[in-house]
């Protein structure tokens, strides 16, 4: 018998149906030469400090840093988990070989390998690697099983992540609690990803609270109903601006140049998990964790592809399937029908094999929507479907007019952009972006036809500009900041390039944010995320930049991704972490500031 081990019972049911394993037993299915069993997510975890030595049970400086000579795993203490593990042990012992059917990602690889290690598995193992749970995808996956050896780097990356979180999280939490927590106030929680994330929130909050607005003036003028802005440097005082204003107020305004350019705007990129969480937070107010749970549910219902991804690209081999997927989206016929039967466009911003590692962007699978989906599931599916359809729709076309003018020695410019063909924007309801870059809200949207050399009266005025403080993080902007290690990036291409050094994984960022809420270090105020006093105090006592710098933590994440690709040594990563936690321990213990703070939990 061949044993297939999935990550969840529901996935086990789907795979058992395809394999013909239709006889149900407690904890597994049987049939057609297969056993199909499952874990419940993590059955095993890294051992706790006291599991290595009783000396580490008590929190004391003398035991720090705690660095086991060799890390071990243990079964999670839960009756249901123990029962299922015993079933797996029996099946592993009696089977001829194993197919690892865990979720096709770093965490899924870790979950399955730990279970097999704990069970003492010596049987040959193959790997099922699929991006959706449709019947066709499962069949195709079983026809193209991977070698377990091919996934070794992925497992090593997951193991390094778990060990790194243990080394830094457990040691730093004990260290800072012992040193800085006021008597009886509780634990000061410090983590490899959560602390830099908290530091970003605290730093932004301090920047807002310490913000001092400044005022400046610039010359603008209204000619034929259009506002033109001068190219003069802004004036620091109103008096200085008025001097220039007085020089031109009685002079005519002359158009010196008019240019018109046509341009196109490509559809937005397909969605990875972070992009989906950002969009759902903006549009529906969903938390990152809520969006993750909803897209996971859609994946398990075979409606969308694997969700825990950090790429917005598709491989070339998905292209032939795209027309069939578009045909399946019956609720979107007004947008899909013009595409069906024609050669679908194949943009490099969508299809690029070089940008694919484990999985591709989140797209519909082509399975028709069943009855009974919740409204929230429908909202998330709608977001995925519209981005997928938009990728094949025509570019948005627009024209941009730049008019330049002059009054005396002062040059002015006005820019007007209008959509001539909305293209893909129709699917998002964006069909009219016509506007002048300098236009006030109550100004007419029609840009007049200007002629070089025309001249006439105008109404110059001083425009007062007041600098604004940065905005508090929302869950959407915080996710983006985690993705780019705190760098403010609007350009999609640059953001893609920075993902390698973002902090956390797409699959873990939601959980990190939730941990900070649960610890009491941050709280929501409407959509804004703010740091509590406990969170502010904790960051204030952490002086080691390694613990709270998003950029440095992003570098660690980059190394983990290199390990995943087999380009960096797992042992070197762990050795560096050991040295870092030793240095942090020495520095904190030597601190004579006598600062104590309350905890957030």
Protein backbone atom coordinates (compact mmCIF):
# COMPACT_ATOMS: atom_id res chain seq x y z
CA UNK A 1 0.00 0.00 0.00
CA UNK A 2 1.07 3.56 -0.72
CA UNK A 3 0.39 6.05 2.09
CA UNK A 4 -0.63 9.62 1.15
CA UNK A 5 -0.40 12.15 3.98
CA UNK A 6 -2.29 15.43 3.57
CA UNK A 7 -2.34 18.48 5.82
CA UNK A 8 -6.08 18.48 6.51
CA UNK A 9 -8.90 15.91 6.51
CA UNK A 10 -10.80 17.89 3.83
CA UNK A 11 -7.83 17.70 1.46
CA UNK A 12 -7.49 14.01 2.30
CA UNK A 13 -11.10 13.48 1.25
CA UNK A 14 -10.49 15.19 -2.12
CA UNK A 15 -7.36 13.15 -2.85
CA UNK A 16 -8.97 9.89 -1.68
CA UNK A 17 -11.85 10.45 -4.11
CA UNK A 18 -9.45 10.84 -7.04
CA UNK A 19 -7.38 7.80 -6.06
CA UNK A 20 -10.38 5.58 -5.46
CA UNK A 21 -9.67 5.18 -1.75
CA UNK A 22 -13.34 5.11 -0.80
CA UNK A 23 -13.39 2.96 2.35
CA UNK A 24 -13.44 5.11 5.46
CA UNK A 25 -11.55 4.04 8.60
CA UNK A 26 -10.85 6.10 11.74
CA UNK A 27 -8.19 8.59 10.66
CA UNK A 28 -7.70 7.42 7.05
CA UNK A 29 -9.24 6.22 3.78
CA UNK A 30 -8.36 2.98 2.01
CA UNK A 31 -8.78 1.65 -1.52
CA UNK A 32 -7.18 0.94 -4.90
CA UNK A 33 -3.76 0.33 -3.33
CA UNK A 34 -3.72 3.56 -1.30
CA UNK A 35 -4.12 4.73 2.24
CA UNK A 36 -4.93 8.44 2.56
CA UNK A 37 -4.42 9.98 5.99
CA UNK A 38 -3.73 13.47 7.31
CA UNK A 39 -2.32 15.75 9.96
CA UNK A 40 -4.26 18.64 11.53
CA UNK A 41 -1.71 21.23 10.51
CA UNK A 42 1.17 21.01 12.96
CA UNK A 43 1.30 17.76 14.93
CA UNK A 44 4.88 18.43 16.04
CA UNK A 45 6.73 21.46 17.33
CA UNK A 46 10.25 22.33 18.47
CA UNK A 47 10.98 21.26 22.02
CA UNK A 48 10.62 23.84 24.77
CA UNK A 49 13.60 24.92 26.91
CA UNK A 50 12.68 22.67 29.86
CA UNK A 51 12.58 19.66 27.51
CA UNK A 52 16.36 19.98 27.10
CA UNK A 53 17.33 20.49 30.74
CA UNK A 54 15.53 21.23 34.01
CA UNK A 55 17.95 24.15 34.45
CA UNK A 56 16.12 26.00 31.67
CA UNK A 57 12.72 25.69 33.32
CA UNK A 58 13.42 28.61 35.64
CA UNK A 59 13.75 32.08 34.11
CA UNK A 60 17.17 33.40 35.09
CA UNK A 61 20.03 35.40 33.58
CA UNK A 62 22.41 32.55 34.34
CA UNK A 63 20.64 30.28 31.82
CA UNK A 64 20.84 32.79 28.97
CA UNK A 65 21.35 32.45 26.14
CA UNK A 66 19.71 29.03 25.82
CA UNK A 67 21.24 27.32 22.79
CA UNK A 68 20.57 23.58 22.54
CA UNK A 69 23.46 21.53 21.12
CA UNK A 70 20.93 19.97 18.75
CA UNK A 71 17.33 21.05 18.27
CA UNK A 72 14.66 18.41 18.74
CA UNK A 73 10.95 18.10 18.03
CA UNK A 74 8.09 16.78 20.11
CA UNK A 75 4.46 15.89 19.64
CA UNK A 76 2.02 18.63 20.61
CA UNK A 77 0.26 17.70 23.85
CA UNK A 78 -3.29 17.10 22.64
CA UNK A 79 -5.35 13.90 22.78
CA UNK A 80 -6.72 14.25 19.23
CA UNK A 81 -3.24 14.93 17.84
CA UNK A 82 -1.77 11.97 19.73
CA UNK A 83 -4.49 9.64 18.39
CA UNK A 84 -3.97 10.76 14.78
CA UNK A 85 -0.18 10.50 15.13
CA UNK A 86 -0.49 6.92 16.38
CA UNK A 87 -2.63 6.08 13.31
CA UNK A 88 0.03 7.62 11.07
CA UNK A 89 2.81 5.70 12.84
CA UNK A 90 1.02 2.41 12.19
CA UNK A 91 0.39 3.25 8.54
CA UNK A 92 3.98 4.43 8.03
CA UNK A 93 5.30 1.19 9.50
CA UNK A 94 3.12 -1.00 7.26
CA UNK A 95 3.18 0.93 3.95
CA UNK A 96 5.52 0.35 1.01
CA UNK A 97 6.11 4.02 0.31
CA UNK A 98 4.80 7.49 1.11
CA UNK A 99 3.53 10.41 -0.94
CA UNK A 100 3.86 13.70 0.93
CA UNK A 101 0.65 15.57 0.02
CA UNK A 102 1.15 18.49 2.39
CA UNK A 103 0.46 22.06 1.29
CA UNK A 104 2.99 22.90 -1.40
CA UNK A 105 5.01 25.48 0.52
CA UNK A 106 7.69 25.94 3.14
CA UNK A 107 5.44 25.42 6.15
CA UNK A 108 3.68 22.46 4.55
CA UNK A 109 7.03 20.78 3.92
CA UNK A 110 8.08 21.33 7.53
CA UNK A 111 4.81 19.96 8.96
CA UNK A 112 5.03 16.72 6.98
CA UNK A 113 8.73 16.05 7.47
CA UNK A 114 8.53 16.58 11.21
CA UNK A 115 5.72 14.03 11.46
CA UNK A 116 7.66 11.48 9.41
CA UNK A 117 10.82 12.12 11.44
CA UNK A 118 8.96 11.73 14.73
CA UNK A 119 7.42 8.49 13.46
CA UNK A 120 10.88 7.15 12.56
CA UNK A 121 9.99 6.84 8.87
CA UNK A 122 12.50 4.93 6.73
CA UNK A 123 10.25 4.41 3.72
CA UNK A 124 10.82 6.04 0.30
CA UNK A 125 8.97 9.35 -0.05
CA UNK A 126 7.65 11.17 -3.12
CA UNK A 127 6.18 14.68 -3.15
CA UNK A 128 2.84 15.80 -4.58
CA UNK A 129 3.21 19.42 -5.68
CA UNK A 130 0.04 21.15 -6.87
CA UNK A 131 -1.25 24.71 -7.02
CA UNK A 132 -4.95 23.93 -6.81
CA UNK A 133 -7.22 21.17 -5.51
CA UNK A 134 -9.27 20.64 -8.66
CA UNK A 135 -9.62 17.05 -9.82
CA UNK A 136 -7.51 17.73 -12.91
CA UNK A 137 -4.74 19.39 -10.87
CA UNK A 138 -4.62 16.46 -8.44
CA UNK A 139 -4.46 13.90 -11.29
CA UNK A 140 -1.75 15.91 -13.04
CA UNK A 141 0.19 16.17 -9.77
CA UNK A 142 0.12 12.40 -9.20
CA UNK A 143 1.38 11.89 -12.74
CA UNK A 144 4.34 14.22 -12.03
CA UNK A 145 5.44 13.42 -8.47
CA UNK A 146 8.62 15.13 -7.29
CA UNK A 147 11.57 13.54 -5.57
CA UNK A 148 11.78 14.24 -1.84
CA UNK A 149 15.39 15.29 -2.39
CA UNK A 150 14.29 18.12 -4.69
CA UNK A 151 12.49 19.71 -1.72
CA UNK A 152 15.41 19.51 0.73
CA UNK A 153 16.29 23.24 0.41
CA UNK A 154 12.66 24.18 1.06
CA UNK A 155 12.63 22.06 4.22
CA UNK A 156 15.96 23.52 5.38
CA UNK A 157 14.58 27.05 4.94
CA UNK A 158 11.49 26.18 6.98
CA UNK A 159 13.62 24.54 9.66
CA UNK A 160 15.94 27.57 9.84
CA UNK A 161 12.92 29.85 10.18
CA UNK A 162 11.53 27.80 13.05
CA UNK A 163 14.91 27.54 14.82
CA UNK A 164 15.61 31.24 14.25
CA UNK A 165 12.27 32.20 15.75
CA UNK A 166 12.96 29.90 18.74
CA UNK A 167 16.48 31.22 19.33
CA UNK A 168 15.62 34.87 19.11
CA UNK A 169 12.04 34.83 20.38
CA UNK A 170 12.48 32.66 23.47
CA UNK A 171 15.86 34.07 24.52
CA UNK A 172 15.01 37.73 23.88
CA UNK A 173 11.61 37.44 25.57
CA UNK A 174 13.17 35.99 28.73
CA UNK A 175 16.06 38.43 28.58
CA UNK A 176 13.96 41.60 28.26
CA UNK A 177 11.34 40.38 30.73
CA UNK A 178 13.96 39.64 33.39
CA UNK A 179 15.78 42.92 32.79
CA UNK A 180 13.01 45.45 32.21
CA UNK A 181 9.61 44.11 33.27
CA UNK A 182 8.37 45.75 36.47
CA UNK A 183 7.62 43.29 39.25
CA UNK A 184 4.54 41.21 38.56
CA UNK A 185 3.62 43.05 35.35
CA UNK A 186 4.06 40.07 33.05
CA UNK A 187 6.04 39.03 30.01
CA UNK A 188 7.69 41.39 27.52
CA UNK A 189 7.24 39.55 24.23
CA UNK A 190 10.05 39.97 21.70
CA UNK A 191 10.14 38.24 18.31
CA UNK A 192 12.19 38.08 15.15
CA UNK A 193 9.39 39.57 13.01
CA UNK A 194 6.90 40.98 15.51
CA UNK A 195 9.37 43.40 17.12
CA UNK A 196 10.50 45.12 13.87
CA UNK A 197 6.83 45.34 12.88
CA UNK A 198 5.96 46.96 16.20
CA UNK A 199 8.95 49.30 15.82
CA UNK A 200 7.60 50.51 12.45
CA UNK A 201 4.24 51.31 14.07
CA UNK A 202 5.86 53.08 17.04
CA UNK A 203 8.25 55.07 14.83
CA UNK A 204 5.38 56.20 12.58
CA UNK A 205 3.33 57.22 15.61
CA UNK A 206 6.19 59.25 17.09
CA UNK A 207 6.73 60.91 13.71
CA UNK A 208 3.06 61.94 13.63
CA UNK A 209 2.99 63.14 17.25
CA UNK A 210 6.21 65.12 16.80
CA UNK A 211 5.20 66.60 13.46
CA UNK A 212 5.43 70.39 13.14
CA UNK A 213 3.62 71.71 10.06
CA UNK A 214 5.32 74.25 7.85
CA UNK A 215 3.66 76.72 5.50
CA UNK A 216 4.81 77.93 2.11
CA UNK A 217 3.30 79.75 -0.87
CA UNK A 218 3.45 79.31 -4.63
CA UNK A 219 2.13 81.46 -7.45
CA UNK A 220 -0.79 80.14 -9.47
CA UNK A 221 -3.00 81.82 -12.00
CA UNK A 222 -6.33 81.13 -13.66
CA UNK A 223 -6.51 81.56 -17.42
CA UNK A 224 -9.65 80.57 -19.38
CA UNK A 225 -10.90 78.61 -16.38
CA UNK A 226 -7.76 76.50 -15.99
CA UNK A 227 -5.36 76.78 -13.07
CA UNK A 228 -1.69 77.09 -14.05
CA UNK A 229 1.15 76.61 -11.55
CA UNK A 230 4.39 78.61 -11.74
CA UNK A 231 7.81 76.98 -11.95
CA UNK A 232 9.12 79.40 -9.32
CA UNK A 233 10.45 77.88 -6.12
CA UNK A 234 7.95 78.00 -3.32
CA UNK A 235 8.10 81.06 -1.10
CA UNK A 236 8.71 80.76 2.61
CA UNK A 237 6.78 83.93 3.40
CA UNK A 238 3.59 85.42 2.02
CA UNK A 239 5.31 88.79 1.62
CA UNK A 240 7.97 87.31 -0.66
CA UNK A 241 5.27 85.74 -2.80
CA UNK A 242 3.31 88.97 -3.04
CA UNK A 243 6.34 90.73 -4.45
CA UNK A 244 6.33 88.42 -7.48
CA UNK A 245 2.56 88.52 -7.67
CA UNK A 246 2.56 92.32 -7.93
CA UNK A 247 5.04 92.11 -10.81
CA UNK A 248 2.70 90.05 -13.02
CA UNK A 249 -0.84 90.85 -11.94
CA UNK A 250 -1.33 93.56 -14.58
CA UNK A 251 0.60 91.77 -17.34
CA UNK A 252 -1.11 89.58 -19.95
CA UNK A 253 -0.84 85.79 -19.84
CA UNK A 254 0.52 84.21 -23.05
CA UNK A 255 0.41 80.56 -24.09
CA UNK A 256 3.93 79.55 -25.13
CA UNK A 257 3.60 75.84 -25.86
CA UNK A 258 0.92 73.16 -26.13
CA UNK A 259 1.74 69.46 -26.46
CA UNK A 260 -0.53 66.46 -26.58
CA UNK A 261 0.67 62.91 -25.95
CA UNK A 262 -1.16 59.63 -26.10
CA UNK A 263 -0.43 56.93 -23.57
CA UNK A 264 -1.56 53.58 -22.26
CA UNK A 265 -1.91 52.10 -18.80
CA UNK A 266 -1.53 48.33 -18.41
CA UNK A 267 -3.87 46.33 -16.18
CA UNK A 268 -2.91 45.92 -12.52
CA UNK A 269 -0.80 42.92 -11.64
CA UNK A 270 -2.38 39.66 -10.63
CA UNK A 271 -2.73 39.07 -6.91
CA UNK A 272 -0.36 37.49 -4.46
CA UNK A 273 -1.51 37.01 -0.88
CA UNK A 274 -0.28 40.37 0.40
CA UNK A 275 -1.86 42.26 -2.51
CA UNK A 276 -5.13 40.44 -1.93
CA UNK A 277 -5.04 41.28 1.79
CA UNK A 278 -4.27 44.92 1.00
CA UNK A 279 -7.11 45.24 -1.52
CA UNK A 280 -9.63 43.49 0.72
CA UNK A 281 -8.68 45.70 3.65
CA UNK A 282 -9.13 48.82 1.52
CA UNK A 283 -12.39 47.81 -0.12
CA UNK A 284 -14.13 45.63 2.47
CA UNK A 285 -12.32 46.43 5.72
CA UNK A 286 -11.24 42.78 6.14
CA UNK A 287 -8.29 42.14 8.44
CA UNK A 288 -5.28 40.36 6.97
CA UNK A 289 -6.10 37.24 8.97
CA UNK A 290 -9.72 37.29 7.82
CA UNK A 291 -8.72 37.55 4.16
CA UNK A 292 -6.23 34.69 4.58
CA UNK A 293 -8.92 32.48 6.11
CA UNK A 294 -11.38 33.33 3.32
CA UNK A 295 -8.96 32.68 0.45
CA UNK A 296 -7.85 29.45 2.16
CA UNK A 297 -11.49 28.39 2.26
CA UNK A 298 -11.89 29.17 -1.45
CA UNK A 299 -8.75 27.13 -2.18
CA UNK A 300 -10.06 24.15 -0.23
CA UNK A 301 -13.34 24.45 -2.13
CA UNK A 302 -11.28 24.17 -5.35
CA UNK A 303 -12.33 27.65 -6.56
CA UNK A 304 -8.97 29.44 -6.44
CA UNK A 305 -5.34 28.38 -6.62
CA UNK A 306 -2.88 28.04 -3.73
CA UNK A 307 -3.07 31.26 -1.69
CA UNK A 308 0.11 31.55 0.38
CA UNK A 309 2.17 32.99 -2.46
CA UNK A 310 4.41 36.01 -2.94
CA UNK A 311 4.44 36.26 -6.73
CA UNK A 312 2.08 38.07 -9.10
CA UNK A 313 3.17 36.09 -12.17
CA UNK A 314 1.96 33.00 -14.04
CA UNK A 315 4.12 30.38 -15.77
CA UNK A 316 3.80 29.87 -19.51
CA UNK A 317 2.12 26.49 -19.08
CA UNK A 318 -0.94 28.16 -17.51
CA UNK A 319 -1.55 30.26 -20.64
CA UNK A 320 -3.39 27.53 -22.63
CA UNK A 321 -5.80 27.06 -19.70
CA UNK A 322 -6.74 30.72 -19.40
CA UNK A 323 -9.51 30.79 -22.00
CA UNK A 324 -11.24 27.89 -20.28
CA UNK A 325 -11.01 29.71 -16.94
CA UNK A 326 -12.48 32.85 -18.51
CA UNK A 327 -15.38 30.81 -19.95
CA UNK A 328 -16.13 29.42 -16.49
CA UNK A 329 -16.66 32.90 -15.02
CA UNK A 330 -20.34 33.08 -15.97
CA UNK A 331 -21.11 36.04 -13.71
CA UNK A 332 -18.62 38.19 -15.65
CA UNK A 333 -19.83 37.59 -19.22
CA UNK A 334 -19.97 41.29 -20.23
CA UNK A 335 -16.20 41.39 -19.68
CA UNK A 336 -15.17 37.89 -20.77
CA UNK A 337 -17.25 37.44 -23.95
CA UNK A 338 -15.20 39.97 -25.98
CA UNK A 339 -12.10 37.92 -25.09
CA UNK A 340 -13.38 34.43 -25.90
CA UNK A 341 -12.44 32.99 -29.29
CA UNK A 342 -9.63 35.50 -29.82
CA UNK A 343 -5.94 35.12 -29.16
CA UNK A 344 -5.48 36.20 -25.55
CA UNK A 345 -2.72 38.71 -25.01
CA UNK A 346 0.35 37.36 -23.24
CA UNK A 347 2.01 40.18 -21.32
CA UNK A 348 5.44 39.76 -19.73
CA UNK A 349 3.92 41.45 -16.68
CA UNK A 350 1.67 38.40 -16.32
CA UNK A 351 3.55 35.43 -17.81
CA UNK A 352 7.19 35.07 -16.79
CA UNK A 353 8.72 31.71 -15.90
CA UNK A 354 11.77 33.40 -14.38
CA UNK A 355 9.58 34.95 -11.65
CA UNK A 356 8.03 31.63 -10.57
CA UNK A 357 9.47 29.61 -7.68
CA UNK A 358 7.04 27.29 -5.90
CA UNK A 359 3.71 28.70 -7.02
CA UNK A 360 2.09 31.27 -9.25
CA UNK A 361 -0.28 34.19 -8.62
CA UNK A 362 -3.73 33.56 -7.15
CA UNK A 363 -6.28 32.98 -9.93
CA UNK A 364 -9.63 31.20 -10.34
CA UNK A 365 -9.38 27.49 -11.13
CA UNK A 366 -12.27 27.33 -13.58
CA UNK A 367 -14.53 25.41 -11.20
CA UNK A 368 -18.04 26.98 -11.28
CA UNK A 369 -19.10 28.77 -8.12
CA UNK A 370 -21.30 26.57 -5.95
CA UNK A 371 -24.33 27.72 -4.01
CA UNK A 372 -23.81 28.47 -0.36
CA UNK A 373 -20.73 30.70 -0.48
CA UNK A 374 -20.79 33.39 2.19
CA UNK A 375 -20.94 37.03 1.10
CA UNK A 376 -17.39 37.49 2.35
CA UNK A 377 -16.14 34.54 0.31
CA UNK A 378 -17.92 35.98 -2.73
CA UNK A 379 -16.21 39.34 -2.16
CA UNK A 380 -12.77 37.75 -2.06
CA UNK A 381 -13.45 35.58 -5.10
CA UNK A 382 -14.72 38.65 -6.96
CA UNK A 383 -11.44 40.42 -6.27
CA UNK A 384 -9.44 37.48 -7.64
CA UNK A 385 -11.71 37.03 -10.67
CA UNK A 386 -11.67 40.70 -11.72
CA UNK A 387 -7.87 40.92 -11.53
CA UNK A 388 -7.58 37.75 -13.62
CA UNK A 389 -10.00 38.99 -16.30
CA UNK A 390 -8.39 42.44 -16.38
CA UNK A 391 -5.02 40.87 -17.24
CA UNK A 392 -6.39 39.93 -20.69
CA UNK A 393 -8.41 43.08 -21.36
CA UNK A 394 -7.11 45.95 -23.55
CA UNK A 395 -4.87 48.57 -22.00
CA UNK A 396 -6.50 51.75 -20.84
CA UNK A 397 -5.81 54.55 -23.36
CA UNK A 398 -5.52 58.20 -22.42
CA UNK A 399 -4.34 61.52 -23.76
CA UNK A 400 -2.32 64.05 -21.82
CA UNK A 401 -2.17 67.73 -22.70
CA UNK A 402 0.53 69.98 -21.29
CA UNK A 403 -0.01 73.71 -21.73
CA UNK A 404 2.73 76.19 -20.87
CA UNK A 405 2.31 79.91 -20.45
CA UNK A 406 4.05 83.04 -19.32
CA UNK A 407 3.25 86.27 -17.51
CA UNK A 408 6.22 88.61 -17.50
CA UNK A 409 9.23 86.54 -16.48
CA UNK A 410 7.21 83.91 -14.62
CA UNK A 411 6.58 80.60 -16.40
CA UNK A 412 3.49 78.50 -15.76
CA UNK A 413 2.28 75.01 -16.65
CA UNK A 414 -1.02 73.09 -16.55
CA UNK A 415 -1.48 69.38 -17.25
CA UNK A 416 -4.69 67.63 -18.25
CA UNK A 417 -5.21 63.89 -18.60
CA UNK A 418 -8.33 62.22 -19.95
CA UNK A 419 -9.23 58.62 -20.72
CA UNK A 420 -10.07 57.99 -24.38
CA UNK A 421 -10.69 54.24 -24.01
CA UNK A 422 -11.06 52.80 -20.49
CA UNK A 423 -10.12 49.26 -21.54
CA UNK A 424 -9.55 47.11 -18.45
CA UNK A 425 -10.75 49.85 -16.12
CA UNK A 426 -14.37 49.05 -16.97
CA UNK A 427 -14.21 45.87 -14.92
CA UNK A 428 -13.28 47.91 -11.85
CA UNK A 429 -15.80 50.66 -12.61
CA UNK A 430 -13.08 53.22 -13.35
CA UNK A 431 -14.02 54.83 -16.65
CA UNK A 432 -13.39 58.55 -16.19
CA UNK A 433 -10.11 59.82 -14.79
CA UNK A 434 -10.27 63.13 -16.65
CA UNK A 435 -8.69 65.85 -14.56
CA UNK A 436 -6.21 68.68 -14.55
CA UNK A 437 -3.30 68.11 -12.23
CA UNK A 438 -3.82 71.54 -10.70
CA UNK A 439 -7.58 71.68 -10.88
CA UNK A 440 -9.65 72.50 -7.83
CA UNK A 441 -12.60 70.26 -7.06
CA UNK A 442 -15.15 72.84 -8.22
CA UNK A 443 -13.40 73.69 -11.50
CA UNK A 444 -14.78 72.53 -14.86
CA UNK A 445 -13.35 69.27 -16.15
CA UNK A 446 -13.27 70.36 -19.82
CA UNK A 447 -9.83 71.51 -20.82
CA UNK A 448 -10.09 74.25 -23.47
CA UNK A 449 -8.18 74.22 -26.74
CA UNK A 450 -5.16 76.48 -26.33
CA UNK A 451 -3.20 77.97 -29.23
CA UNK A 452 0.46 78.93 -29.15
CA UNK A 453 0.81 82.70 -28.89
CA UNK A 454 -2.72 83.42 -27.68
CA UNK A 455 -2.86 85.98 -24.90
CA UNK A 456 -5.33 87.44 -22.47
CA UNK A 457 -6.12 88.49 -18.95
CA UNK A 458 -5.64 86.12 -16.03
CA UNK A 459 -6.18 86.03 -12.28
CA UNK A 460 -2.91 85.31 -10.44
CA UNK A 461 -3.04 84.39 -6.75
CA UNK A 462 -0.90 82.97 -3.97
CA UNK A 463 -1.63 79.35 -3.11
CA UNK A 464 -0.92 78.45 0.51
CA UNK A 465 0.64 75.01 1.08
CA UNK A 466 0.81 73.39 4.50
CA UNK A 467 2.79 70.21 4.99
CA UNK A 468 0.80 67.27 6.32
CA UNK A 469 1.96 64.64 8.84
CA UNK A 470 2.37 61.06 7.69
CA UNK A 471 -0.69 58.86 8.16
CA UNK A 472 -1.09 56.16 10.76
CA UNK A 473 -0.69 52.67 9.43
CA UNK A 474 -3.78 50.81 8.39
CA UNK A 475 -3.63 47.05 8.05
CA UNK A 476 -3.22 47.51 4.29
CA UNK A 477 -0.31 49.95 4.53
CA UNK A 478 1.32 47.94 7.32
CA UNK A 479 1.27 44.81 5.16
CA UNK A 480 2.93 46.79 2.36
CA UNK A 481 5.54 48.11 4.78
CA UNK A 482 6.29 44.56 5.96
CA UNK A 483 6.56 43.43 2.34
CA UNK A 484 9.17 46.11 1.54
CA UNK A 485 10.97 46.14 4.93
CA UNK A 486 9.58 49.56 5.75
CA UNK A 487 10.47 51.30 2.50
CA UNK A 488 7.73 53.47 1.01
CA UNK A 489 7.28 52.06 -2.47
CA UNK A 490 4.36 52.87 -4.78
CA UNK A 491 5.77 51.50 -8.02
CA UNK A 492 4.63 47.89 -8.51
CA UNK A 493 7.82 46.81 -10.28
CA UNK A 494 10.10 48.15 -7.55
CA UNK A 495 7.87 46.59 -4.91
CA UNK A 496 8.22 43.21 -6.62
CA UNK A 497 12.00 43.56 -6.52
CA UNK A 498 12.00 44.27 -2.77
CA UNK A 499 9.89 41.26 -1.82
CA UNK A 500 12.97 39.09 -1.41
CA UNK A 501 13.93 41.14 1.65
CA UNK A 502 10.50 41.83 3.11
CA UNK A 503 9.91 40.86 6.74
CA UNK A 504 7.87 37.76 7.44
CA UNK A 505 6.27 35.51 4.84
CA UNK A 506 2.97 36.27 3.08
CA UNK A 507 1.44 33.40 5.06
CA UNK A 508 2.69 34.64 8.44
CA UNK A 509 2.26 38.43 8.31
CA UNK A 510 -1.40 38.31 9.28
CA UNK A 511 -0.55 36.15 12.31
CA UNK A 512 2.24 38.53 13.36
CA UNK A 513 -0.14 41.51 13.31
CA UNK A 514 -2.70 39.53 15.33
CA UNK A 515 -0.03 38.62 17.91
CA UNK A 516 0.72 42.31 18.43
CA UNK A 517 -3.00 42.99 18.97
CA UNK A 518 -3.30 40.10 21.42
CA UNK A 519 -0.22 41.18 23.35
CA UNK A 520 -1.77 44.61 23.79
CA UNK A 521 1.11 46.35 22.00
CA UNK A 522 -1.13 47.82 19.30
CA UNK A 523 -4.82 48.62 18.93
CA UNK A 524 -7.26 49.72 16.25
CA UNK A 525 -8.86 53.14 16.13
CA UNK A 526 -11.29 52.92 13.22
CA UNK A 527 -8.97 51.78 10.40
CA UNK A 528 -5.82 53.21 11.97
CA UNK A 529 -3.37 51.01 13.86
CA UNK A 530 -1.80 52.69 16.87
CA UNK A 531 0.79 51.62 19.40
CA UNK A 532 -0.23 51.32 23.05
CA UNK A 533 1.96 52.72 25.82
CA UNK A 534 3.19 49.19 26.49
CA UNK A 535 4.26 48.85 22.86
CA UNK A 536 5.99 52.25 22.91
CA UNK A 537 7.78 51.41 26.16
CA UNK A 538 8.97 48.04 24.87
CA UNK A 539 10.52 49.54 21.75
CA UNK A 540 12.11 52.29 23.86
CA UNK A 541 14.13 49.78 25.92
CA UNK A 542 15.25 47.74 22.91
CA UNK A 543 18.42 49.47 21.84
CA UNK A 544 19.80 46.71 19.64
CA UNK A 545 18.93 47.64 16.07
CA UNK A 546 19.11 43.99 15.03
CA UNK A 547 15.98 43.27 17.04
CA UNK A 548 13.86 46.15 15.79
CA UNK A 549 15.16 47.15 12.37
CA UNK A 550 12.83 46.13 9.55
CA UNK A 551 15.71 46.45 7.10
CA UNK A 552 18.01 44.10 9.03
CA UNK A 553 15.23 41.60 9.58
CA UNK A 554 14.49 41.84 5.87
CA UNK A 555 18.09 40.83 5.17
CA UNK A 556 17.52 37.71 7.31
CA UNK A 557 14.40 36.95 5.31
CA UNK A 558 16.43 37.32 2.13
CA UNK A 559 18.88 34.72 3.42
CA UNK A 560 16.02 32.34 4.22
CA UNK A 561 14.83 32.66 0.63
CA UNK A 562 18.38 31.96 -0.57
CA UNK A 563 18.40 28.81 1.58
CA UNK A 564 15.10 27.83 -0.04
CA UNK A 565 16.76 28.12 -3.45
CA UNK A 566 19.85 26.21 -2.31
CA UNK A 567 22.04 29.33 -2.59
CA UNK A 568 22.95 29.86 1.08
CA UNK A 569 24.07 27.62 3.90
CA UNK A 570 21.43 26.75 6.50
CA UNK A 571 24.18 26.08 9.05
CA UNK A 572 25.73 29.49 8.44
CA UNK A 573 22.35 31.16 9.02
CA UNK A 574 21.91 29.37 12.38
CA UNK A 575 25.52 30.06 13.42
CA UNK A 576 25.06 33.79 12.70
CA UNK A 577 21.88 33.84 14.78
CA UNK A 578 23.63 32.16 17.69
CA UNK A 579 26.38 34.79 17.65
CA UNK A 580 23.80 37.58 17.45
CA UNK A 581 21.73 36.35 20.38
CA UNK A 582 24.90 35.93 22.47
CA UNK A 583 25.90 39.54 21.73
CA UNK A 584 22.39 40.82 22.50
CA UNK A 585 22.40 38.94 25.81
CA UNK A 586 25.71 40.45 26.88
CA UNK A 587 24.61 43.98 25.95
CA UNK A 588 21.26 43.82 27.76
CA UNK A 589 22.63 42.30 30.95
CA UNK A 590 25.32 45.02 31.03
CA UNK A 591 22.73 47.83 30.80
CA UNK A 592 22.79 49.91 34.01
CA UNK A 593 19.88 52.22 33.17
CA UNK A 594 17.56 50.61 35.77
CA UNK A 595 14.57 51.19 33.45
CA UNK A 596 11.46 49.12 34.17
CA UNK A 597 8.25 49.02 32.16
CA UNK A 598 4.83 47.40 32.30
CA UNK A 599 3.92 44.60 29.91
CA UNK A 600 1.27 44.49 27.23
CA UNK A 601 -0.31 41.24 28.34
